Amino acid sequence: MKNFEGTTGLRASTMTESANGKRRLNTGDGSPGEFPHSLPGTRTEVVLFENSDQMVQSLGSHDEALRFIEVQFPDVNFHVRGNELSISGPASDVPRIMRLLQEVRGLVARGTVITPAVLQQLVALLRTQSLQNPVDVLTHDILSSRGRTIRPKTLNQKNYVDAIDANTVIFGIGPAGTGKTYLAMAKAVQALQQKEVSRIILTRPAVEAGERLGFLPGTLSDKIDPYLRPLYDALHDMMDPESIPRLMAAGTIEVAPLAYMRGRTLNDAFIILDEAQNTTPEQMKMFLTRLGFGSKMVVTGDVTQVDLPFGTRSGLRIVEEILQGIEDVNFSVLDAADVVRHRLVGDIVNAYSVWDEAQRNRVKHSVNREKRGEHA
């Protein structure tokens, strides 16, 4: 049994045999106590907290974190007595709980408040069995603004953020709610604040902002704002809202439709193209070739939500094949497990993926049947 003392503030129990053959609990302080007998296939551990404050921080206010763990491991019994937590259950579950509590202590040591949401992220990270330390993922702060901290919440998100740091052109591809654009914008604001770039450029393709724009009522701003509103909303989450109009007026922050990028060279800028699945191959090439010196580009999109006219290819769907093998270009893929919106969003994304796969298989089988009929 592992001893976490010195690294997590927890001490796992160890068993010793007394003279009369009874198993006893060695608490690590030289004072063995009676150890409850475990049934075959079960295991019991006792975690000792240094004080009540440490226990509350680890198990949550009103034991809400402990209740979450109980739901995740229904076959395990938990008993709290003083600063001691006894864990008894299947031998396969108890070590997982001990590892979970080890990571919880690491988060507490770094100032993280333990909530059911944090535990949910932690459990998901542990299930990936990655070599990446879950604590490093969940404490990788990008930006702190207006009383909240923006950080990755899943392993894929952490890898995506690392890719943004390490590459010049980054593609973030994944379904809605996986944080593709939000994390990219947080990195853009961070780069601006740290003076790594002198401006931020945010853009989206908008068919309505092309030739048909003149037929829409209102000013230019009135016409394009609805398509760019999500980018404005994210900016307001990350920066002082009163500073944004001033920065936009100075050209430090620019939010514009993709059509307005044509013919420009974008130097010393952090450039984000959002909803890139709605670009044509020609538009994607046009955008990527705007890259100037000292700039970084992040392209985000969801290839399952293309709104282009029927028969028009998506530039995002083919760009990986075109740019494959080019140094300093990275493709980061996120999936339903990275959805950080309501739990149902992940379930909905998975359901649509299954349905889409079934439709593709149905079409494929239909084509094969037709070919066999032609050669019959």
Protein backbone atom coordinates (compact mmCIF):
# COMPACT_ATOMS: atom_id res chain seq x y z
CA MET A 1 0.00 0.00 0.00
CA LYS A 2 1.31 3.39 -0.94
CA ASN A 3 2.43 5.98 1.52
CA PHE A 4 1.51 9.48 0.32
CA GLU A 5 3.02 11.26 3.29
CA GLY A 6 5.20 14.20 2.32
CA THR A 7 3.70 14.62 -1.13
CA THR A 8 0.00 14.97 -0.51
CA GLY A 9 -0.47 15.49 3.19
CA LEU A 10 -2.26 12.13 3.38
CA ARG A 11 -1.01 8.93 4.92
CA ALA A 12 -2.26 5.62 3.63
CA SER A 13 -2.59 2.87 6.21
CA THR A 14 -0.39 -0.21 6.23
CA MET A 15 -1.22 -3.56 7.83
CA THR A 16 0.92 -5.37 10.38
CA GLU A 17 0.41 -8.71 12.10
CA SER A 18 0.26 -8.64 15.92
CA ALA A 19 1.38 -11.47 18.16
CA ASN A 20 -2.13 -12.90 18.32
CA GLY A 21 -2.46 -12.83 14.52
CA LYS A 22 -4.89 -9.90 14.39
CA ARG A 23 -4.35 -7.33 11.66
CA ARG A 24 -3.61 -3.87 12.93
CA LEU A 25 -3.52 -0.44 11.31
CA ASN A 26 -0.17 1.33 11.30
CA THR A 27 -1.01 5.03 11.13
CA GLY A 28 2.56 6.06 10.52
CA ASP A 29 3.04 7.59 13.95
CA GLY A 30 3.96 4.36 15.72
CA SER A 31 0.52 3.86 17.24
CA PRO A 32 -1.12 0.87 15.56
CA GLY A 33 -4.87 0.55 15.93
CA GLU A 34 -7.39 -2.20 15.24
CA PHE A 35 -7.80 -2.81 11.54
CA PRO A 36 -11.28 -3.86 10.40
CA HIS A 37 -11.27 -7.26 8.75
CA SER A 38 -11.77 -7.18 4.96
CA LEU A 39 -13.67 -9.80 3.04
CA PRO A 40 -11.86 -11.68 0.27
CA GLY A 41 -11.55 -9.41 -2.76
CA THR A 42 -11.98 -6.27 -0.66
CA ARG A 43 -9.51 -3.76 0.67
CA THR A 44 -9.53 -1.18 3.43
CA GLU A 45 -7.49 1.99 3.68
CA VAL A 46 -7.48 4.75 6.28
CA VAL A 47 -6.53 8.30 5.37
CA LEU A 48 -5.37 10.60 8.16
CA PHE A 49 -5.65 14.36 7.69
CA GLU A 50 -3.33 16.68 9.57
CA ASN A 51 -6.19 18.83 10.85
CA SER A 52 -9.86 19.60 10.31
CA ASP A 53 -9.10 22.46 7.88
CA GLN A 54 -7.17 20.13 5.61
CA MET A 55 -10.00 17.62 5.75
CA VAL A 56 -12.67 20.21 4.85
CA GLN A 57 -10.56 21.53 1.98
CA SER A 58 -10.13 18.00 0.60
CA LEU A 59 -13.64 16.62 1.13
CA GLY A 60 -15.51 19.83 0.37
CA SER A 61 -17.88 22.02 2.30
CA HIS A 62 -20.52 19.83 3.97
CA ASP A 63 -18.66 16.81 2.51
CA GLU A 64 -20.01 17.56 -0.96
CA ALA A 65 -16.82 16.27 -2.59
CA LEU A 66 -17.01 13.07 -0.55
CA ARG A 67 -20.63 12.58 -1.58
CA PHE A 68 -19.56 12.92 -5.21
CA ILE A 69 -16.95 10.19 -4.71
CA GLU A 70 -19.58 7.97 -3.06
CA VAL A 71 -21.77 8.29 -6.18
CA GLN A 72 -18.84 7.42 -8.44
CA PHE A 73 -17.96 4.35 -6.34
CA PRO A 74 -21.27 2.98 -5.04
CA ASP A 75 -19.75 -0.30 -3.80
CA VAL A 76 -17.29 1.45 -1.48
CA ASN A 77 -18.05 2.36 2.14
CA PHE A 78 -16.71 5.57 3.64
CA HIS A 79 -16.56 6.37 7.33
CA VAL A 80 -15.42 9.70 8.77
CA ARG A 81 -14.25 9.89 12.38
CA GLY A 82 -12.40 12.95 13.57
CA ASN A 83 -9.65 13.67 11.05
CA GLU A 84 -9.73 10.09 9.78
CA LEU A 85 -11.42 8.75 6.65
CA SER A 86 -11.85 4.97 6.36
CA ILE A 87 -12.34 3.54 2.86
CA SER A 88 -13.47 -0.05 2.43
CA GLY A 89 -14.62 -1.79 -0.72
CA PRO A 90 -13.61 -3.80 -3.78
CA ALA A 91 -9.87 -4.18 -4.15
CA SER A 92 -10.10 -2.68 -7.64
CA ASP A 93 -11.83 0.52 -6.46
CA VAL A 94 -9.97 1.47 -3.29
CA PRO A 95 -6.59 2.17 -4.96
CA ARG A 96 -8.36 4.38 -7.50
CA ILE A 97 -9.92 6.38 -4.69
CA MET A 98 -6.57 6.71 -2.97
CA ARG A 99 -5.07 8.03 -6.23
CA LEU A 100 -7.99 10.44 -6.57
CA LEU A 101 -7.45 11.73 -3.03
CA GLN A 102 -3.73 12.07 -3.76
CA GLU A 103 -4.53 14.37 -6.70
CA VAL A 104 -7.09 16.25 -4.60
CA ARG A 105 -4.39 17.05 -2.07
CA GLY A 106 -2.16 18.30 -4.87
CA LEU A 107 -4.91 20.65 -6.05
CA VAL A 108 -5.60 21.89 -2.53
CA ALA A 109 -1.90 22.61 -2.07
CA ARG A 110 -2.04 24.84 -5.15
CA GLY A 111 -5.07 26.74 -3.89
CA THR A 112 -7.81 25.02 -5.90
CA VAL A 113 -11.24 24.85 -4.27
CA ILE A 114 -12.49 21.27 -4.47
CA THR A 115 -16.00 21.06 -5.91
CA PRO A 116 -17.92 18.25 -7.63
CA ALA A 117 -17.12 19.90 -10.98
CA VAL A 118 -13.38 19.80 -10.23
CA LEU A 119 -13.66 16.18 -9.13
CA GLN A 120 -15.52 15.32 -12.34
CA GLN A 121 -12.63 16.74 -14.36
CA LEU A 122 -10.13 14.92 -12.17
CA VAL A 123 -11.91 11.57 -12.56
CA ALA A 124 -12.02 12.04 -16.34
CA LEU A 125 -8.30 12.81 -16.43
CA LEU A 126 -7.43 9.76 -14.35
CA ARG A 127 -9.46 7.56 -16.69
CA THR A 128 -7.26 8.60 -19.62
CA GLN A 129 -4.32 6.88 -17.86
CA SER A 130 -2.05 9.53 -19.33
CA LEU A 131 1.44 10.13 -18.05
CA GLN A 132 0.46 13.79 -17.68
CA ASN A 133 -0.06 14.76 -14.04
CA PRO A 134 -3.75 15.72 -13.61
CA VAL A 135 -2.79 18.45 -11.15
CA ASP A 136 -0.59 20.06 -13.80
CA VAL A 137 -3.52 20.06 -16.23
CA LEU A 138 -6.05 21.55 -13.84
CA THR A 139 -3.71 24.23 -12.47
CA HIS A 140 -2.30 25.42 -15.83
CA ASP A 141 -3.58 28.99 -15.50
CA ILE A 142 -3.72 31.01 -18.72
CA LEU A 143 -5.47 34.16 -17.64
CA SER A 144 -7.06 35.64 -14.53
CA SER A 145 -9.67 38.29 -15.10
CA ARG A 146 -12.62 39.71 -13.23
CA GLY A 147 -12.30 37.26 -10.36
CA ARG A 148 -12.08 34.09 -12.43
CA THR A 149 -9.22 32.03 -13.82
CA ILE A 150 -9.21 30.54 -17.32
CA ARG A 151 -7.40 27.22 -17.59
CA PRO A 152 -7.73 23.94 -19.52
CA LYS A 153 -10.07 21.40 -17.96
CA THR A 154 -9.19 18.26 -19.90
CA LEU A 155 -6.01 16.61 -21.17
CA ASN A 156 -6.81 17.40 -24.81
CA GLN A 157 -7.39 21.04 -23.90
CA LYS A 158 -4.03 21.15 -22.12
CA ASN A 159 -2.35 19.62 -25.18
CA TYR A 160 -4.10 22.20 -27.37
CA VAL A 161 -2.86 25.07 -25.19
CA ASP A 162 0.66 23.61 -25.25
CA ALA A 163 0.47 23.37 -29.04
CA ILE A 164 -0.46 27.06 -29.24
CA ASP A 165 2.65 27.87 -27.22
CA ALA A 166 4.91 25.69 -29.36
CA ASN A 167 3.71 26.38 -32.92
CA THR A 168 3.01 29.29 -35.27
CA VAL A 169 -0.09 27.93 -37.01
CA ILE A 170 -2.47 25.82 -34.94
CA PHE A 171 -5.74 24.16 -35.92
CA GLY A 172 -8.18 23.42 -33.10
CA ILE A 173 -10.80 20.99 -34.42
CA GLY A 174 -13.66 19.62 -32.37
CA PRO A 175 -17.37 19.79 -31.57
CA ALA A 176 -19.23 22.64 -29.92
CA GLY A 177 -18.42 23.33 -26.29
CA THR A 178 -14.88 21.95 -26.24
CA GLY A 179 -13.29 25.36 -25.59
CA LYS A 180 -11.50 25.67 -28.94
CA THR A 181 -12.16 29.37 -29.47
CA TYR A 182 -12.35 30.37 -25.82
CA LEU A 183 -8.92 28.97 -24.97
CA ALA A 184 -7.41 30.45 -28.13
CA MET A 185 -8.77 33.87 -27.22
CA ALA A 186 -7.42 33.54 -23.69
CA LYS A 187 -3.98 32.82 -25.16
CA ALA A 188 -4.36 35.83 -27.46
CA VAL A 189 -5.18 38.15 -24.56
CA GLN A 190 -2.29 36.67 -22.58
CA ALA A 191 0.09 37.29 -25.49
CA LEU A 192 -1.10 40.89 -25.76
CA GLN A 193 -0.73 41.52 -22.04
CA GLN A 194 2.77 40.03 -22.05
CA LYS A 195 3.66 42.16 -25.11
CA GLU A 196 4.42 39.12 -27.23
CA VAL A 197 2.23 40.69 -29.96
CA SER A 198 0.98 44.22 -30.52
CA ARG A 199 -2.57 43.39 -31.60
CA ILE A 200 -5.28 40.75 -31.69
CA ILE A 201 -7.27 40.02 -34.85
CA LEU A 202 -10.45 37.96 -34.58
CA THR A 203 -12.29 36.89 -37.69
CA ARG A 204 -15.11 34.66 -38.87
CA PRO A 205 -16.43 33.75 -42.31
CA ALA A 206 -19.87 35.26 -42.93
CA VAL A 207 -21.54 34.63 -46.26
CA GLU A 208 -23.95 37.45 -45.52
CA ALA A 209 -21.02 39.87 -45.23
CA GLY A 210 -20.09 39.32 -48.86
CA GLU A 211 -21.86 40.48 -52.01
CA ARG A 212 -25.30 40.49 -50.35
CA LEU A 213 -24.25 42.73 -47.49
CA GLY A 214 -25.42 45.89 -49.22
CA PHE A 215 -28.98 44.63 -49.32
CA LEU A 216 -29.20 44.30 -45.53
CA PRO A 217 -30.54 47.29 -43.53
CA GLY A 218 -28.36 49.29 -41.15
CA THR A 219 -24.73 50.35 -40.95
CA LEU A 220 -21.77 48.07 -41.62
CA SER A 221 -21.44 47.42 -37.90
CA ASP A 222 -25.13 46.56 -37.62
CA LYS A 223 -24.79 44.05 -40.44
CA ILE A 224 -21.72 42.14 -39.26
CA ASP A 225 -22.09 42.32 -35.47
CA PRO A 226 -24.55 39.37 -35.17
CA TYR A 227 -21.99 37.04 -36.78
CA LEU A 228 -19.13 38.29 -34.61
CA ARG A 229 -21.05 38.61 -31.33
CA PRO A 230 -19.64 35.37 -29.79
CA LEU A 231 -16.13 36.80 -30.17
CA TYR A 232 -17.15 40.04 -28.46
CA ASP A 233 -18.75 38.05 -25.64
CA ALA A 234 -15.54 36.11 -25.02
CA LEU A 235 -13.52 39.33 -24.99
CA HIS A 236 -15.81 40.76 -22.33
CA ASP A 237 -15.15 37.67 -20.19
CA MET A 238 -11.40 38.17 -20.36
CA MET A 239 -10.85 41.92 -20.32
CA ASP A 240 -12.18 45.05 -18.69
CA PRO A 241 -15.27 45.83 -20.82
CA GLU A 242 -14.55 49.55 -20.61
CA SER A 243 -11.11 49.08 -22.18
CA ILE A 244 -12.34 47.11 -25.20
CA PRO A 245 -13.83 50.07 -27.20
CA ARG A 246 -10.62 52.04 -26.62
CA LEU A 247 -8.42 49.14 -27.77
CA MET A 248 -10.61 48.57 -30.82
CA ALA A 249 -10.51 52.25 -31.73
CA ALA A 250 -6.71 52.14 -31.52
CA GLY A 251 -6.56 49.02 -33.71
CA THR A 252 -5.08 46.91 -30.90
CA ILE A 253 -8.09 44.60 -31.13
CA GLU A 254 -9.80 44.04 -34.47
CA VAL A 255 -12.95 41.99 -35.00
CA ALA A 256 -13.91 41.64 -38.65
CA PRO A 257 -15.36 39.24 -41.23
CA LEU A 258 -12.92 37.01 -43.08
CA ALA A 259 -13.55 38.89 -46.35
CA TYR A 260 -11.79 41.92 -44.83
CA MET A 261 -8.51 39.98 -44.48
CA ARG A 262 -7.91 39.80 -48.25
CA GLY A 263 -4.84 41.60 -49.54
CA ARG A 264 -3.36 42.23 -46.08
CA THR A 265 -0.15 41.09 -44.38
CA LEU A 266 -0.71 40.58 -40.64
CA ASN A 267 2.51 41.24 -38.74
CA ASP A 268 3.09 41.09 -34.97
CA ALA A 269 -0.44 39.84 -34.33
CA PHE A 270 -2.30 36.96 -32.70
CA ILE A 271 -4.90 36.01 -35.31
CA ILE A 272 -7.87 33.71 -34.68
CA LEU A 273 -10.13 32.37 -37.42
CA ASP A 274 -13.29 30.98 -35.84
CA GLU A 275 -15.97 28.78 -37.48
CA ALA A 276 -13.38 27.80 -40.08
CA GLN A 277 -15.51 24.88 -41.27
CA ASN A 278 -17.49 27.51 -43.21
CA THR A 279 -14.52 28.58 -45.31
CA THR A 280 -14.00 27.35 -48.84
CA PRO A 281 -10.56 25.94 -49.75
CA GLU A 282 -9.81 29.22 -51.52
CA GLN A 283 -10.74 31.28 -48.46
CA MET A 284 -8.65 29.06 -46.20
CA LYS A 285 -5.62 29.53 -48.47
CA MET A 286 -6.22 33.27 -48.58
CA PHE A 287 -6.36 33.48 -44.78
CA LEU A 288 -3.28 31.33 -44.09
CA THR A 289 -1.19 33.34 -46.53
CA ARG A 290 -1.92 36.55 -44.59
CA LEU A 291 0.59 35.39 -41.94
CA GLY A 292 3.30 37.96 -41.31
CA PHE A 293 6.43 38.20 -39.17
CA GLY A 294 6.05 37.83 -35.42
CA SER A 295 2.48 36.55 -35.74
CA LYS A 296 0.63 33.44 -34.60
CA MET A 297 -2.52 31.97 -36.17
CA VAL A 298 -5.13 29.75 -34.53
CA VAL A 299 -7.84 28.26 -36.73
CA THR A 300 -10.85 26.72 -34.97
CA GLY A 301 -13.85 24.85 -36.26
CA ASP A 302 -16.16 21.85 -36.18
CA VAL A 303 -16.16 19.80 -39.38
CA THR A 304 -19.55 18.28 -38.44
CA GLN A 305 -21.34 21.65 -38.56
CA VAL A 306 -20.65 22.98 -42.06
CA ASP A 307 -23.14 25.63 -43.21
CA LEU A 308 -21.77 26.10 -46.73
CA PRO A 309 -24.10 25.68 -49.72
CA PHE A 310 -24.68 22.09 -50.76
CA GLY A 311 -21.81 20.78 -52.88
CA THR A 312 -19.27 23.33 -51.60
CA ARG A 313 -16.21 21.80 -49.98
CA SER A 314 -15.08 22.97 -46.57
CA GLY A 315 -11.57 24.34 -46.44
CA LEU A 316 -11.16 22.98 -42.92
CA ARG A 317 -11.92 19.43 -44.00
CA ILE A 318 -9.10 19.26 -46.54
CA VAL A 319 -6.45 21.53 -45.00
CA GLU A 320 -4.83 18.81 -42.86
CA GLU A 321 -4.21 16.68 -45.93
CA ILE A 322 -2.68 19.68 -47.71
CA LEU A 323 -0.45 20.91 -44.86
CA GLN A 324 0.47 17.52 -43.42
CA GLY A 325 4.16 17.33 -42.55
CA ILE A 326 4.86 21.08 -42.62
CA GLU A 327 6.96 22.11 -39.63
CA ASP A 328 5.47 24.60 -37.13
CA VAL A 329 1.90 23.67 -38.12
CA ASN A 330 -0.12 21.70 -35.57
CA PHE A 331 -3.52 20.01 -35.66
CA SER A 332 -5.13 19.54 -32.25
CA VAL A 333 -8.30 17.44 -32.12
CA LEU A 334 -10.82 17.66 -29.31
CA ASP A 335 -13.83 15.38 -28.87
CA ALA A 336 -17.02 14.91 -26.86
CA ALA A 337 -15.00 14.08 -23.73
CA ASP A 338 -13.67 17.66 -23.81
CA VAL A 339 -17.09 19.33 -23.81
CA VAL A 340 -17.21 21.72 -20.86
CA ARG A 341 -20.81 22.85 -21.23
CA HIS A 342 -23.81 21.02 -19.79
CA ARG A 343 -23.28 17.25 -19.50
CA LEU A 344 -26.00 16.70 -22.11
CA VAL A 345 -23.95 18.54 -24.75
CA GLY A 346 -21.36 15.77 -24.70
CA ASP A 347 -24.09 13.13 -24.93
CA ILE A 348 -25.70 14.99 -27.84
CA VAL A 349 -22.37 15.25 -29.68
CA ASN A 350 -21.78 11.51 -29.23
CA ALA A 351 -25.32 10.69 -30.40
CA TYR A 352 -24.89 12.73 -33.57
CA SER A 353 -21.49 11.11 -34.22
CA VAL A 354 -23.06 7.66 -34.01
CA TRP A 355 -25.91 8.73 -36.29
CA ASP A 356 -23.54 10.30 -38.85
CA GLU A 357 -21.43 7.14 -38.91
CA ALA A 358 -24.56 5.02 -39.45
CA GLN A 359 -25.61 7.28 -42.34
CA ARG A 360 -22.20 7.02 -43.99
CA ASN A 361 -22.24 3.23 -43.66
CA ARG A 362 -25.76 3.09 -45.11
CA VAL A 363 -24.70 5.16 -48.14
CA LYS A 364 -21.56 3.06 -48.58
CA HIS A 365 -23.50 -0.20 -48.48
CA SER A 366 -26.08 1.21 -50.90
CA VAL A 367 -23.36 2.18 -53.39
CA ASN A 368 -21.75 -1.24 -53.08
CA ARG A 369 -25.09 -2.95 -53.75
CA GLU A 370 -25.61 -0.82 -56.85
CA LYS A 371 -22.13 -1.70 -58.13
CA ARG A 372 -22.75 -5.40 -57.60
CA GLY A 373 -26.04 -5.07 -59.48
CA GLU A 374 -24.34 -3.35 -62.40
CA HIS A 375 -21.84 -6.18 -62.73
CA ALA A 376 -24.38 -8.94 -62.22
